[in-house]
Structures are given as structure tokens and as C-alpha cells.
Amino acid sequence: TLKDEHTVVADGREYSADNIIIATGSRAKMPPIAGI
């Protein structure tokens, strides 16, 4: 997860870099249908 524009947190540890690329993909979109 993002802490700031140079830092992420994972498993309680901080990692830093000059740049970050978010490439987290997608998931199925479930419409609001009764019984879904």
C-alpha cells in the first residue's frame, strides 16, 4: 500500500524508490442483481 509517492508498506515494512508503478490489474465487476 502507498505511504507517500516514494514509499510503500508491505508486511509492516517500508520500501522506498524514486518512482512507483501501479499495475494491480482488475477484478470481475458484479452488477447489483438480486440473487447474485
PDB file of all heavy atoms in Angstrom:
ATOM      1  N   THR A   1       0.854  -1.190   0.000  1.00  0.00           N
ATOM      2  CA  THR A   1       0.000   0.000   0.000  1.00  0.00           C
ATOM      3  C   THR A   1       0.890   1.240   0.000  1.00  0.00           C
ATOM      4  O   THR A   1       2.024   1.213   0.491  1.00  0.00           O
ATOM      5  CB  THR A   1      -0.927   0.036   1.224  1.00  0.00           C
ATOM      6  OG1 THR A   1      -0.125  -0.007   2.415  1.00  0.00           O
ATOM      7  CG2 THR A   1      -1.872  -1.151   1.220  1.00  0.00           C
ATOM      8  N   LEU A   2       0.363   2.309  -0.555  1.00  0.00           N
ATOM      9  CA  LEU A   2       1.136   3.544  -0.675  1.00  0.00           C
ATOM     10  C   LEU A   2       1.176   4.290   0.659  1.00  0.00           C
ATOM     11  O   LEU A   2       0.144   4.468   1.305  1.00  0.00           O
ATOM     12  CB  LEU A   2       0.519   4.442  -1.740  1.00  0.00           C
ATOM     13  CG  LEU A   2       0.498   3.891  -3.165  1.00  0.00           C
ATOM     14  CD1 LEU A   2      -0.415   4.739  -4.027  1.00  0.00           C
ATOM     15  CD2 LEU A   2       1.902   3.863  -3.748  1.00  0.00           C
ATOM     16  N   LYS A   3       2.365   4.748   1.036  1.00  0.00           N
ATOM     17  CA  LYS A   3       2.503   5.641   2.188  1.00  0.00           C
ATOM     18  C   LYS A   3       2.676   7.081   1.696  1.00  0.00           C
ATOM     19  O   LYS A   3       2.054   8.003   2.217  1.00  0.00           O
ATOM     20  CB  LYS A   3       3.690   5.229   3.055  1.00  0.00           C
ATOM     21  CG  LYS A   3       3.884   6.147   4.253  1.00  0.00           C
ATOM     22  CD  LYS A   3       5.077   5.723   5.108  1.00  0.00           C
ATOM     23  CE  LYS A   3       5.243   6.681   6.290  1.00  0.00           C
ATOM     24  NZ  LYS A   3       6.415   6.319   7.127  1.00  0.00           N
ATOM     25  N   ASP A   4       3.565   7.254   0.716  1.00  0.00           N
ATOM     26  CA  ASP A   4       3.728   8.542   0.038  1.00  0.00           C
ATOM     27  C   ASP A   4       4.175   8.230  -1.384  1.00  0.00           C
ATOM     28  O   ASP A   4       4.216   7.072  -1.782  1.00  0.00           O
ATOM     29  CB  ASP A   4       4.703   9.470   0.776  1.00  0.00           C
ATOM     30  CG  ASP A   4       6.078   8.849   0.970  1.00  0.00           C
ATOM     31  OD1 ASP A   4       6.627   8.308  -0.025  1.00  0.00           O
ATOM     32  OD2 ASP A   4       6.617   8.897   2.089  1.00  0.00           O
ATOM     33  N   GLU A   5       4.524   9.250  -2.150  1.00  0.00           N
ATOM     34  CA  GLU A   5       4.785   8.986  -3.564  1.00  0.00           C
ATOM     35  C   GLU A   5       6.127   8.293  -3.822  1.00  0.00           C
ATOM     36  O   GLU A   5       6.443   7.972  -4.971  1.00  0.00           O
ATOM     37  CB  GLU A   5       4.696  10.266  -4.389  1.00  0.00           C
ATOM     38  CG  GLU A   5       5.741  11.317  -4.100  1.00  0.00           C
ATOM     39  CD  GLU A   5       5.602  12.500  -5.057  1.00  0.00           C
ATOM     40  OE1 GLU A   5       6.064  12.388  -6.210  1.00  0.00           O
ATOM     41  OE2 GLU A   5       5.009  13.513  -4.649  1.00  0.00           O
ATOM     42  N   HIS A   6       6.869   8.032  -2.783  1.00  0.00           N
ATOM     43  CA  HIS A   6       8.119   7.281  -2.930  1.00  0.00           C
ATOM     44  C   HIS A   6       8.159   6.025  -2.056  1.00  0.00           C
ATOM     45  O   HIS A   6       9.150   5.294  -2.093  1.00  0.00           O
ATOM     46  CB  HIS A   6       9.332   8.160  -2.578  1.00  0.00           C
ATOM     47  CG  HIS A   6       9.536   9.310  -3.508  1.00  0.00           C
ATOM     48  ND1 HIS A   6       9.984   9.153  -4.794  1.00  0.00           N
ATOM     49  CD2 HIS A   6       9.336  10.641  -3.323  1.00  0.00           C
ATOM     50  CE1 HIS A   6      10.064  10.344  -5.383  1.00  0.00           C
ATOM     51  NE2 HIS A   6       9.671  11.264  -4.504  1.00  0.00           N
ATOM     52  N   THR A   7       7.119   5.782  -1.273  1.00  0.00           N
ATOM     53  CA  THR A   7       7.187   4.726  -0.252  1.00  0.00           C
ATOM     54  C   THR A   7       5.937   3.867  -0.254  1.00  0.00           C
ATOM     55  O   THR A   7       4.825   4.381  -0.369  1.00  0.00           O
ATOM     56  CB  THR A   7       7.360   5.343   1.154  1.00  0.00           C
ATOM     57  OG1 THR A   7       8.432   6.280   1.133  1.00  0.00           O
ATOM     58  CG2 THR A   7       7.632   4.264   2.195  1.00  0.00           C
ATOM     59  N   VAL A   8       6.156   2.541  -0.100  1.00  0.00           N
ATOM     60  CA  VAL A   8       5.042   1.624   0.113  1.00  0.00           C
ATOM     61  C   VAL A   8       5.302   0.839   1.390  1.00  0.00           C
ATOM     62  O   VAL A   8       6.443   0.735   1.865  1.00  0.00           O
ATOM     63  CB  VAL A   8       4.852   0.643  -1.069  1.00  0.00           C
ATOM     64  CG1 VAL A   8       4.617   1.391  -2.375  1.00  0.00           C
ATOM     65  CG2 VAL A   8       6.028  -0.325  -1.195  1.00  0.00           C
ATOM     66  N   VAL A   9       4.221   0.280   1.933  1.00  0.00           N
ATOM     67  CA  VAL A   9       4.311  -0.557   3.126  1.00  0.00           C
ATOM     68  C   VAL A   9       3.798  -1.942   2.777  1.00  0.00           C
ATOM     69  O   VAL A   9       2.729  -2.097   2.173  1.00  0.00           O
ATOM     70  CB  VAL A   9       3.482   0.038   4.279  1.00  0.00           C
ATOM     71  CG1 VAL A   9       3.548  -0.868   5.512  1.00  0.00           C
ATOM     72  CG2 VAL A   9       3.963   1.442   4.620  1.00  0.00           C
ATOM     73  N   ALA A  10       4.567  -2.969   3.147  1.00  0.00           N
ATOM     74  CA  ALA A  10       4.175  -4.354   2.897  1.00  0.00           C
ATOM     75  C   ALA A  10       4.635  -5.211   4.067  1.00  0.00           C
ATOM     76  O   ALA A  10       5.818  -5.153   4.449  1.00  0.00           O
ATOM     77  CB  ALA A  10       4.790  -4.880   1.601  1.00  0.00           C
ATOM     78  N   ASP A  11       3.700  -5.959   4.644  1.00  0.00           N
ATOM     79  CA  ASP A  11       4.007  -6.794   5.805  1.00  0.00           C
ATOM     80  C   ASP A  11       4.686  -6.001   6.923  1.00  0.00           C
ATOM     81  O   ASP A  11       5.622  -6.478   7.581  1.00  0.00           O
ATOM     82  CB  ASP A  11       4.892  -7.983   5.400  1.00  0.00           C
ATOM     83  CG  ASP A  11       4.078  -9.141   4.858  1.00  0.00           C
ATOM     84  OD1 ASP A  11       2.842  -9.136   5.017  1.00  0.00           O
ATOM     85  OD2 ASP A  11       4.676 -10.057   4.254  1.00  0.00           O
ATOM     86  N   GLY A  12       4.234  -4.773   7.114  1.00  0.00           N
ATOM     87  CA  GLY A  12       4.750  -3.945   8.188  1.00  0.00           C
ATOM     88  C   GLY A  12       6.094  -3.303   7.931  1.00  0.00           C
ATOM     89  O   GLY A  12       6.637  -2.607   8.800  1.00  0.00           O
ATOM     90  N   ARG A  13       6.641  -3.501   6.742  1.00  0.00           N
ATOM     91  CA  ARG A  13       7.957  -2.951   6.413  1.00  0.00           C
ATOM     92  C   ARG A  13       7.811  -1.886   5.336  1.00  0.00           C
ATOM     93  O   ARG A  13       6.978  -2.006   4.439  1.00  0.00           O
ATOM     94  CB  ARG A  13       8.881  -4.062   5.921  1.00  0.00           C
ATOM     95  CG  ARG A  13      10.273  -3.602   5.538  1.00  0.00           C
ATOM     96  CD  ARG A  13      11.116  -4.755   5.037  1.00  0.00           C
ATOM     97  NE  ARG A  13      12.371  -4.284   4.475  1.00  0.00           N
ATOM     98  CZ  ARG A  13      13.261  -5.062   3.853  1.00  0.00           C
ATOM     99  NH1 ARG A  13      13.005  -6.361   3.726  1.00  0.00           N
ATOM    100  NH2 ARG A  13      14.369  -4.556   3.362  1.00  0.00           N
ATOM    101  N   GLU A  14       8.625  -0.840   5.409  1.00  0.00           N
ATOM    102  CA  GLU A  14       8.589   0.213   4.412  1.00  0.00           C
ATOM    103  C   GLU A  14       9.660  -0.005   3.339  1.00  0.00           C
ATOM    104  O   GLU A  14      10.773  -0.440   3.634  1.00  0.00           O
ATOM    105  CB  GLU A  14       8.803   1.587   5.063  1.00  0.00           C
ATOM    106  CG  GLU A  14       7.657   2.007   5.970  1.00  0.00           C
ATOM    107  CD  GLU A  14       7.796   3.433   6.471  1.00  0.00           C
ATOM    108  OE1 GLU A  14       8.798   4.100   6.091  1.00  0.00           O
ATOM    109  OE2 GLU A  14       6.918   3.887   7.219  1.00  0.00           O
ATOM    110  N   TYR A  15       9.273   0.276   2.094  1.00  0.00           N
ATOM    111  CA  TYR A  15      10.190   0.197   0.947  1.00  0.00           C
ATOM    112  C   TYR A  15      10.086   1.523   0.201  1.00  0.00           C
ATOM    113  O   TYR A  15       8.981   2.023  -0.032  1.00  0.00           O
ATOM    114  CB  TYR A  15       9.801  -0.925  -0.002  1.00  0.00           C
ATOM    115  CG  TYR A  15       9.817  -2.313   0.597  1.00  0.00           C
ATOM    116  CD1 TYR A  15       8.755  -2.767   1.380  1.00  0.00           C
ATOM    117  CD2 TYR A  15      10.882  -3.185   0.354  1.00  0.00           C
ATOM    118  CE1 TYR A  15       8.759  -4.048   1.910  1.00  0.00           C
ATOM    119  CE2 TYR A  15      10.884  -4.476   0.881  1.00  0.00           C
ATOM    120  CZ  TYR A  15       9.817  -4.895   1.661  1.00  0.00           C
ATOM    121  OH  TYR A  15       9.818  -6.171   2.185  1.00  0.00           O
ATOM    122  N   SER A  16      11.232   2.067  -0.211  1.00  0.00           N
ATOM    123  CA  SER A  16      11.237   3.355  -0.901  1.00  0.00           C
ATOM    124  C   SER A  16      11.940   3.250  -2.245  1.00  0.00           C
ATOM    125  O   SER A  16      12.828   2.402  -2.444  1.00  0.00           O
ATOM    126  CB  SER A  16      11.935   4.422  -0.049  1.00  0.00           C
ATOM    127  OG  SER A  16      11.210   4.663   1.148  1.00  0.00           O
ATOM    128  N   ALA A  17      11.539   4.121  -3.174  1.00  0.00           N
ATOM    129  CA  ALA A  17      12.149   4.161  -4.503  1.00  0.00           C
ATOM    130  C   ALA A  17      11.920   5.529  -5.115  1.00  0.00           C
ATOM    131  O   ALA A  17      11.073   6.312  -4.656  1.00  0.00           O
ATOM    132  CB  ALA A  17      11.563   3.066  -5.398  1.00  0.00           C
ATOM    133  N   ASP A  18      12.657   5.824  -6.168  1.00  0.00           N
ATOM    134  CA  ASP A  18      12.493   7.097  -6.867  1.00  0.00           C
ATOM    135  C   ASP A  18      11.107   7.201  -7.496  1.00  0.00           C
ATOM    136  O   ASP A  18      10.509   8.271  -7.502  1.00  0.00           O
ATOM    137  CB  ASP A  18      13.550   7.239  -7.962  1.00  0.00           C
ATOM    138  CG  ASP A  18      14.961   7.271  -7.412  1.00  0.00           C
ATOM    139  OD1 ASP A  18      15.196   8.044  -6.472  1.00  0.00           O
ATOM    140  OD2 ASP A  18      15.812   6.518  -7.907  1.00  0.00           O
ATOM    141  N   ASN A  19      10.644   6.094  -8.052  1.00  0.00           N
ATOM    142  CA  ASN A  19       9.354   6.079  -8.740  1.00  0.00           C
ATOM    143  C   ASN A  19       8.571   4.821  -8.396  1.00  0.00           C
ATOM    144  O   ASN A  19       9.157   3.803  -7.989  1.00  0.00           O
ATOM    145  CB  ASN A  19       9.537   6.139 -10.255  1.00  0.00           C
ATOM    146  CG  ASN A  19      10.204   7.418 -10.722  1.00  0.00           C
ATOM    147  OD1 ASN A  19      11.413   7.458 -10.944  1.00  0.00           O
ATOM    148  ND2 ASN A  19       9.411   8.468 -10.868  1.00  0.00           N
ATOM    149  N   ILE A  20       7.264   4.895  -8.565  1.00  0.00           N
ATOM    150  CA  ILE A  20       6.373   3.761  -8.308  1.00  0.00           C
ATOM    151  C   ILE A  20       5.473   3.576  -9.518  1.00  0.00           C
ATOM    152  O   ILE A  20       4.939   4.546 -10.065  1.00  0.00           O
ATOM    153  CB  ILE A  20       5.513   3.996  -7.053  1.00  0.00           C
ATOM    154  CG1 ILE A  20       6.396   4.103  -5.805  1.00  0.00           C
ATOM    155  CG2 ILE A  20       4.474   2.885  -6.888  1.00  0.00           C
ATOM    156  CD1 ILE A  20       5.639   4.519  -4.548  1.00  0.00           C
ATOM    157  N   ILE A  21       5.305   2.327  -9.938  1.00  0.00           N
ATOM    158  CA  ILE A  21       4.336   1.983 -10.985  1.00  0.00           C
ATOM    159  C   ILE A  21       3.260   1.106 -10.361  1.00  0.00           C
ATOM    160  O   ILE A  21       3.564   0.070  -9.760  1.00  0.00           O
ATOM    161  CB  ILE A  21       4.986   1.239 -12.164  1.00  0.00           C
ATOM    162  CG1 ILE A  21       5.990   2.136 -12.889  1.00  0.00           C
ATOM    163  CG2 ILE A  21       3.917   0.749 -13.141  1.00  0.00           C
ATOM    164  CD1 ILE A  21       6.726   1.442 -14.032  1.00  0.00           C
ATOM    165  N   ILE A  22       1.999   1.522 -10.495  1.00  0.00           N
ATOM    166  CA  ILE A  22       0.869   0.728 -10.025  1.00  0.00           C
ATOM    167  C   ILE A  22       0.363  -0.123 -11.179  1.00  0.00           C
ATOM    168  O   ILE A  22      -0.034   0.396 -12.221  1.00  0.00           O
ATOM    169  CB  ILE A  22      -0.260   1.629  -9.488  1.00  0.00           C
ATOM    170  CG1 ILE A  22       0.246   2.456  -8.305  1.00  0.00           C
ATOM    171  CG2 ILE A  22      -1.473   0.796  -9.082  1.00  0.00           C
ATOM    172  CD1 ILE A  22      -0.731   3.532  -7.854  1.00  0.00           C
ATOM    173  N   ALA A  23       0.390  -1.439 -10.994  1.00  0.00           N
ATOM    174  CA  ALA A  23      -0.029  -2.375 -12.049  1.00  0.00           C
ATOM    175  C   ALA A  23      -0.862  -3.482 -11.408  1.00  0.00           C
ATOM    176  O   ALA A  23      -0.566  -4.677 -11.548  1.00  0.00           O
ATOM    177  CB  ALA A  23       1.199  -2.956 -12.757  1.00  0.00           C
ATOM    178  N   THR A  24      -1.908  -3.078 -10.701  1.00  0.00           N
ATOM    179  CA  THR A  24      -2.662  -4.012  -9.858  1.00  0.00           C
ATOM    180  C   THR A  24      -3.809  -4.724 -10.577  1.00  0.00           C
ATOM    181  O   THR A  24      -4.536  -5.497  -9.954  1.00  0.00           O
ATOM    182  CB  THR A  24      -3.221  -3.263  -8.635  1.00  0.00           C
ATOM    183  OG1 THR A  24      -3.843  -2.040  -9.066  1.00  0.00           O
ATOM    184  CG2 THR A  24      -2.107  -2.933  -7.666  1.00  0.00           C
ATOM    185  N   GLY A  25      -3.987  -4.476 -11.867  1.00  0.00           N
ATOM    186  CA  GLY A  25      -4.950  -5.257 -12.642  1.00  0.00           C
ATOM    187  C   GLY A  25      -6.400  -4.956 -12.317  1.00  0.00           C
ATOM    188  O   GLY A  25      -6.752  -3.856 -11.875  1.00  0.00           O
ATOM    189  N   SER A  26      -7.245  -5.966 -12.519  1.00  0.00           N
ATOM    190  CA  SER A  26      -8.688  -5.772 -12.366  1.00  0.00           C
ATOM    191  C   SER A  26      -9.328  -7.005 -11.755  1.00  0.00           C
ATOM    192  O   SER A  26      -8.685  -8.046 -11.600  1.00  0.00           O
ATOM    193  CB  SER A  26      -9.332  -5.481 -13.728  1.00  0.00           C
ATOM    194  OG  SER A  26      -9.152  -6.587 -14.610  1.00  0.00           O
ATOM    195  N   ARG A  27     -10.598  -6.863 -11.438  1.00  0.00           N
ATOM    196  CA  ARG A  27     -11.388  -7.989 -10.937  1.00  0.00           C
ATOM    197  C   ARG A  27     -12.765  -7.938 -11.595  1.00  0.00           C
ATOM    198  O   ARG A  27     -13.139  -6.929 -12.208  1.00  0.00           O
ATOM    199  CB  ARG A  27     -11.526  -7.919  -9.416  1.00  0.00           C
ATOM    200  CG  ARG A  27     -12.273  -6.707  -8.894  1.00  0.00           C
ATOM    201  CD  ARG A  27     -12.292  -6.707  -7.365  1.00  0.00           C
ATOM    202  NE  ARG A  27     -13.100  -5.637  -6.797  1.00  0.00           N
ATOM    203  CZ  ARG A  27     -12.660  -4.405  -6.571  1.00  0.00           C
ATOM    204  NH1 ARG A  27     -11.409  -4.089  -6.872  1.00  0.00           N
ATOM    205  NH2 ARG A  27     -13.461  -3.495  -6.045  1.00  0.00           N
ATOM    206  N   ALA A  28     -13.506  -9.029 -11.475  1.00  0.00           N
ATOM    207  CA  ALA A  28     -14.824  -9.094 -12.092  1.00  0.00           C
ATOM    208  C   ALA A  28     -15.747  -8.041 -11.512  1.00  0.00           C
ATOM    209  O   ALA A  28     -15.771  -7.811 -10.305  1.00  0.00           O
ATOM    210  CB  ALA A  28     -15.420 -10.487 -11.905  1.00  0.00           C
ATOM    211  N   LYS A  29     -16.507  -7.404 -12.393  1.00  0.00           N
ATOM    212  CA  LYS A  29     -17.488  -6.408 -11.970  1.00  0.00           C
ATOM    213  C   LYS A  29     -18.830  -7.116 -11.780  1.00  0.00           C
ATOM    214  O   LYS A  29     -19.354  -7.727 -12.710  1.00  0.00           O
ATOM    215  CB  LYS A  29     -17.622  -5.318 -13.026  1.00  0.00           C
ATOM    216  CG  LYS A  29     -18.568  -4.183 -12.655  1.00  0.00           C
ATOM    217  CD  LYS A  29     -18.814  -3.265 -13.846  1.00  0.00           C
ATOM    218  CE  LYS A  29     -17.534  -2.587 -14.277  1.00  0.00           C
ATOM    219  NZ  LYS A  29     -17.767  -1.654 -15.419  1.00  0.00           N
ATOM    220  N   MET A  30     -19.372  -7.043 -10.588  1.00  0.00           N
ATOM    221  CA  MET A  30     -20.625  -7.728 -10.271  1.00  0.00           C
ATOM    222  C   MET A  30     -21.757  -6.708 -10.187  1.00  0.00           C
ATOM    223  O   MET A  30     -21.752  -5.848  -9.305  1.00  0.00           O
ATOM    224  CB  MET A  30     -20.492  -8.496  -8.958  1.00  0.00           C
ATOM    225  CG  MET A  30     -19.346  -9.503  -8.953  1.00  0.00           C
ATOM    226  SD  MET A  30     -19.517 -10.790 -10.216  1.00  0.00           S
ATOM    227  CE  MET A  30     -20.678 -11.888  -9.402  1.00  0.00           C
ATOM    228  N   PRO A  31     -22.715  -6.766 -11.085  1.00  0.00           N
ATOM    229  CA  PRO A  31     -23.803  -5.792 -11.082  1.00  0.00           C
ATOM    230  C   PRO A  31     -24.753  -6.014  -9.910  1.00  0.00           C
ATOM    231  O   PRO A  31     -24.817  -7.116  -9.340  1.00  0.00           O
ATOM    232  CB  PRO A  31     -24.501  -6.050 -12.425  1.00  0.00           C
ATOM    233  CG  PRO A  31     -24.218  -7.484 -12.719  1.00  0.00           C
ATOM    234  CD  PRO A  31     -22.849  -7.750 -12.172  1.00  0.00           C
ATOM    235  N   PRO A  32     -25.523  -4.996  -9.542  1.00  0.00           N
ATOM    236  CA  PRO A  32     -26.442  -5.123  -8.398  1.00  0.00           C
ATOM    237  C   PRO A  32     -27.728  -5.860  -8.767  1.00  0.00           C
ATOM    238  O   PRO A  32     -28.801  -5.267  -8.875  1.00  0.00           O
ATOM    239  CB  PRO A  32     -26.709  -3.656  -8.025  1.00  0.00           C
ATOM    240  CG  PRO A  32     -26.580  -2.915  -9.322  1.00  0.00           C
ATOM    241  CD  PRO A  32     -25.508  -3.627 -10.081  1.00  0.00           C
ATOM    242  N   ILE A  33     -27.603  -7.165  -8.944  1.00  0.00           N
ATOM    243  CA  ILE A  33     -28.746  -8.010  -9.300  1.00  0.00           C
ATOM    244  C   ILE A  33     -29.138  -8.838  -8.081  1.00  0.00           C
ATOM    245  O   ILE A  33     -28.278  -9.475  -7.455  1.00  0.00           O
ATOM    246  CB  ILE A  33     -28.401  -8.947 -10.471  1.00  0.00           C
ATOM    247  CG1 ILE A  33     -28.039  -8.129 -11.726  1.00  0.00           C
ATOM    248  CG2 ILE A  33     -29.557  -9.897 -10.782  1.00  0.00           C
ATOM    249  CD1 ILE A  33     -27.493  -8.977 -12.858  1.00  0.00           C
ATOM    250  N   ALA A  34     -30.407  -8.859  -7.755  1.00  0.00           N
ATOM    251  CA  ALA A  34     -30.872  -9.690  -6.635  1.00  0.00           C
ATOM    252  C   ALA A  34     -30.531 -11.149  -6.904  1.00  0.00           C
ATOM    253  O   ALA A  34     -30.769 -11.661  -7.990  1.00  0.00           O
ATOM    254  CB  ALA A  34     -32.384  -9.525  -6.464  1.00  0.00           C
ATOM    255  N   GLY A  35     -29.954 -11.804  -5.901  1.00  0.00           N
ATOM    256  CA  GLY A  35     -29.609 -13.213  -6.030  1.00  0.00           C
ATOM    257  C   GLY A  35     -28.239 -13.486  -6.615  1.00  0.00           C
ATOM    258  O   GLY A  35     -27.869 -14.647  -6.807  1.00  0.00           O
ATOM    259  N   ILE A  36     -27.462 -12.440  -6.831  1.00  0.00           N
ATOM    260  CA  ILE A  36     -26.164 -12.642  -7.471  1.00  0.00           C
ATOM    261  C   ILE A  36     -25.177 -13.373  -6.555  1.00  0.00           C
ATOM    262  O   ILE A  36     -24.150 -13.884  -7.013  1.00  0.00           O
ATOM    263  CB  ILE A  36     -25.589 -11.290  -7.946  1.00  0.00           C
ATOM    264  CG1 ILE A  36     -24.575 -11.516  -9.077  1.00  0.00           C
ATOM    265  CG2 ILE A  36     -24.964 -10.507  -6.784  1.00  0.00           C
ATOM    266  CD1 ILE A  36     -24.247 -10.275  -9.853  1.00  0.00           C
TER     267      ILE A  36
END
